[in-house]
Amino acid sequence: MFEKQEWLTIIVVLILVVVLTGCASTTVPVTMNFPQAPEPILLEPEKLEPLPEDANEMSDLLENSTVNYGKYRELQLKYQQWQRWYETNRRLHKETTSE
């Protein structure tokens, strides 16, 4: 029959086989959802101001154009930020979820 030392060796080998087999067969799939956009990007843009019908002066036209240009420029910057955020996060998402 087996001696005490041989029994311990057999038990240790069996435990290692069970542990290593269990670790090798368990794969947990990691899925990541695409991130949500930041709140400032999702805000509704301001409407451009129409030129009042009673505006007869050139200064009225210039003031209206200046205000609308400022709103347009702000909207343009938000749009560019949106594109940059989307492309960066899409690339990161693609890199982390592909195998």
C-alpha atoms as a PDB file:
ATOM      1  CA  MET A   1       0.000   0.000   0.000  1.00  0.00           C
ATOM      2  CA  PHE A   2       0.972   3.707  -0.102  1.00  0.00           C
ATOM      3  CA  GLU A   3       3.021   5.336   2.606  1.00  0.00           C
ATOM      4  CA  LYS A   4       1.960   8.519   4.383  1.00  0.00           C
ATOM      5  CA  GLN A   5       4.327  10.700   2.286  1.00  0.00           C
ATOM      6  CA  GLU A   6       2.913   9.304  -0.973  1.00  0.00           C
ATOM      7  CA  TRP A   7      -0.668   9.979   0.165  1.00  0.00           C
ATOM      8  CA  LEU A   8       0.185  13.608   0.927  1.00  0.00           C
ATOM      9  CA  THR A   9       1.813  13.995  -2.485  1.00  0.00           C
ATOM     10  CA  ILE A  10      -1.223  12.493  -4.252  1.00  0.00           C
ATOM     11  CA  ILE A  11      -3.632  14.740  -2.302  1.00  0.00           C
ATOM     12  CA  VAL A  12      -1.597  17.874  -3.012  1.00  0.00           C
ATOM     13  CA  VAL A  13      -1.389  17.022  -6.729  1.00  0.00           C
ATOM     14  CA  LEU A  14      -5.150  16.394  -6.903  1.00  0.00           C
ATOM     15  CA  ILE A  15      -5.901  19.686  -5.148  1.00  0.00           C
ATOM     16  CA  LEU A  16      -3.618  21.567  -7.538  1.00  0.00           C
ATOM     17  CA  VAL A  17      -5.230  19.909 -10.561  1.00  0.00           C
ATOM     18  CA  VAL A  18      -8.724  20.836  -9.334  1.00  0.00           C
ATOM     19  CA  VAL A  19      -7.740  24.418  -8.535  1.00  0.00           C
ATOM     20  CA  LEU A  20      -5.880  24.999 -11.810  1.00  0.00           C
ATOM     21  CA  THR A  21      -8.624  23.384 -13.873  1.00  0.00           C
ATOM     22  CA  GLY A  22     -11.249  25.546 -12.193  1.00  0.00           C
ATOM     23  CA  CYS A  23      -9.299  28.744 -12.837  1.00  0.00           C
ATOM     24  CA  ALA A  24      -8.648  27.909 -16.459  1.00  0.00           C
ATOM     25  CA  SER A  25     -12.252  27.193 -17.341  1.00  0.00           C
ATOM     26  CA  THR A  26     -13.902  30.247 -15.810  1.00  0.00           C
ATOM     27  CA  THR A  27     -13.881  33.197 -18.157  1.00  0.00           C
ATOM     28  CA  VAL A  28     -16.010  36.163 -17.264  1.00  0.00           C
ATOM     29  CA  PRO A  29     -16.975  38.299 -20.247  1.00  0.00           C
ATOM     30  CA  VAL A  30     -16.534  41.969 -19.526  1.00  0.00           C
ATOM     31  CA  THR A  31     -18.887  44.214 -21.422  1.00  0.00           C
ATOM     32  CA  MET A  32     -18.806  47.953 -21.238  1.00  0.00           C
ATOM     33  CA  ASN A  33     -21.586  50.291 -22.254  1.00  0.00           C
ATOM     34  CA  PHE A  34     -20.853  53.343 -24.342  1.00  0.00           C
ATOM     35  CA  PRO A  35     -20.504  56.354 -21.985  1.00  0.00           C
ATOM     36  CA  GLN A  36     -23.140  59.043 -21.593  1.00  0.00           C
ATOM     37  CA  ALA A  37     -22.437  62.471 -23.045  1.00  0.00           C
ATOM     38  CA  PRO A  38     -21.578  65.301 -20.630  1.00  0.00           C
ATOM     39  CA  GLU A  39     -24.506  67.491 -19.600  1.00  0.00           C
ATOM     40  CA  PRO A  40     -23.287  70.810 -21.150  1.00  0.00           C
ATOM     41  CA  ILE A  41     -23.082  69.194 -24.569  1.00  0.00           C
ATOM     42  CA  LEU A  42     -26.688  68.027 -24.392  1.00  0.00           C
ATOM     43  CA  LEU A  43     -28.190  71.445 -23.583  1.00  0.00           C
ATOM     44  CA  GLU A  44     -30.544  72.977 -26.126  1.00  0.00           C
ATOM     45  CA  PRO A  45     -28.794  75.718 -28.161  1.00  0.00           C
ATOM     46  CA  GLU A  46     -29.958  79.296 -27.865  1.00  0.00           C
ATOM     47  CA  LYS A  47     -32.185  80.598 -30.650  1.00  0.00           C
ATOM     48  CA  LEU A  48     -30.820  83.347 -32.836  1.00  0.00           C
ATOM     49  CA  GLU A  49     -32.451  86.743 -32.395  1.00  0.00           C
ATOM     50  CA  PRO A  50     -34.466  87.934 -35.383  1.00  0.00           C
ATOM     51  CA  LEU A  51     -33.964  91.506 -36.458  1.00  0.00           C
ATOM     52  CA  PRO A  52     -36.846  93.596 -35.104  1.00  0.00           C
ATOM     53  CA  GLU A  53     -39.120  94.942 -37.807  1.00  0.00           C
ATOM     54  CA  ASP A  54     -38.932  98.467 -36.435  1.00  0.00           C
ATOM     55  CA  ALA A  55     -35.111  98.500 -36.694  1.00  0.00           C
ATOM     56  CA  ASN A  56     -34.251 101.331 -39.078  1.00  0.00           C
ATOM     57  CA  GLU A  57     -30.724 102.100 -37.974  1.00  0.00           C
ATOM     58  CA  MET A  58     -27.524 100.448 -39.094  1.00  0.00           C
ATOM     59  CA  SER A  59     -26.529 100.165 -35.420  1.00  0.00           C
ATOM     60  CA  ASP A  60     -29.565  97.919 -34.814  1.00  0.00           C
ATOM     61  CA  LEU A  61     -28.433  95.615 -37.593  1.00  0.00           C
ATOM     62  CA  LEU A  62     -24.859  95.562 -36.279  1.00  0.00           C
ATOM     63  CA  GLU A  63     -25.974  94.890 -32.693  1.00  0.00           C
ATOM     64  CA  ASN A  64     -28.240  92.051 -33.835  1.00  0.00           C
ATOM     65  CA  SER A  65     -25.460  90.577 -35.972  1.00  0.00           C
ATOM     66  CA  THR A  66     -22.994  90.764 -33.099  1.00  0.00           C
ATOM     67  CA  VAL A  67     -25.349  89.005 -30.682  1.00  0.00           C
ATOM     68  CA  ASN A  68     -26.201  86.308 -33.220  1.00  0.00           C
ATOM     69  CA  TYR A  69     -22.560  85.800 -34.158  1.00  0.00           C
ATOM     70  CA  GLY A  70     -21.697  85.263 -30.481  1.00  0.00           C
ATOM     71  CA  LYS A  71     -24.465  82.667 -30.131  1.00  0.00           C
ATOM     72  CA  TYR A  72     -23.378  80.999 -33.374  1.00  0.00           C
ATOM     73  CA  ARG A  73     -19.745  80.854 -32.257  1.00  0.00           C
ATOM     74  CA  GLU A  74     -20.756  79.324 -28.908  1.00  0.00           C
ATOM     75  CA  LEU A  75     -22.831  76.704 -30.711  1.00  0.00           C
ATOM     76  CA  GLN A  76     -19.962  75.981 -33.086  1.00  0.00           C
ATOM     77  CA  LEU A  77     -17.571  75.398 -30.173  1.00  0.00           C
ATOM     78  CA  LYS A  78     -20.083  73.069 -28.478  1.00  0.00           C
ATOM     79  CA  TYR A  79     -20.440  71.134 -31.719  1.00  0.00           C
ATOM     80  CA  GLN A  80     -16.666  70.767 -32.048  1.00  0.00           C
ATOM     81  CA  GLN A  81     -16.434  69.635 -28.407  1.00  0.00           C
ATOM     82  CA  TRP A  82     -19.182  67.107 -29.059  1.00  0.00           C
ATOM     83  CA  GLN A  83     -17.302  65.696 -32.042  1.00  0.00           C
ATOM     84  CA  ARG A  84     -14.042  65.504 -30.082  1.00  0.00           C
ATOM     85  CA  TRP A  85     -15.753  63.841 -27.089  1.00  0.00           C
ATOM     86  CA  TYR A  86     -17.613  61.368 -29.280  1.00  0.00           C
ATOM     87  CA  GLU A  87     -14.574  60.346 -31.347  1.00  0.00           C
ATOM     88  CA  THR A  88     -12.363  59.948 -28.266  1.00  0.00           C
ATOM     89  CA  ASN A  89     -14.903  57.874 -26.351  1.00  0.00           C
ATOM     90  CA  ARG A  90     -15.822  55.800 -29.388  1.00  0.00           C
ATOM     91  CA  ARG A  91     -12.151  54.982 -29.948  1.00  0.00           C
ATOM     92  CA  LEU A  92     -11.600  54.130 -26.268  1.00  0.00           C
ATOM     93  CA  HIS A  93     -14.748  52.010 -26.178  1.00  0.00           C
ATOM     94  CA  LYS A  94     -13.680  50.151 -29.304  1.00  0.00           C
ATOM     95  CA  GLU A  95     -10.187  49.521 -27.896  1.00  0.00           C
ATOM     96  CA  THR A  96     -11.427  48.231 -24.554  1.00  0.00           C
ATOM     97  CA  THR A  97     -14.211  46.022 -25.860  1.00  0.00           C
ATOM     98  CA  SER A  98     -12.464  44.367 -28.792  1.00  0.00           C
ATOM     99  CA  GLU A  99     -10.391  41.294 -28.168  1.00  0.00           C
END
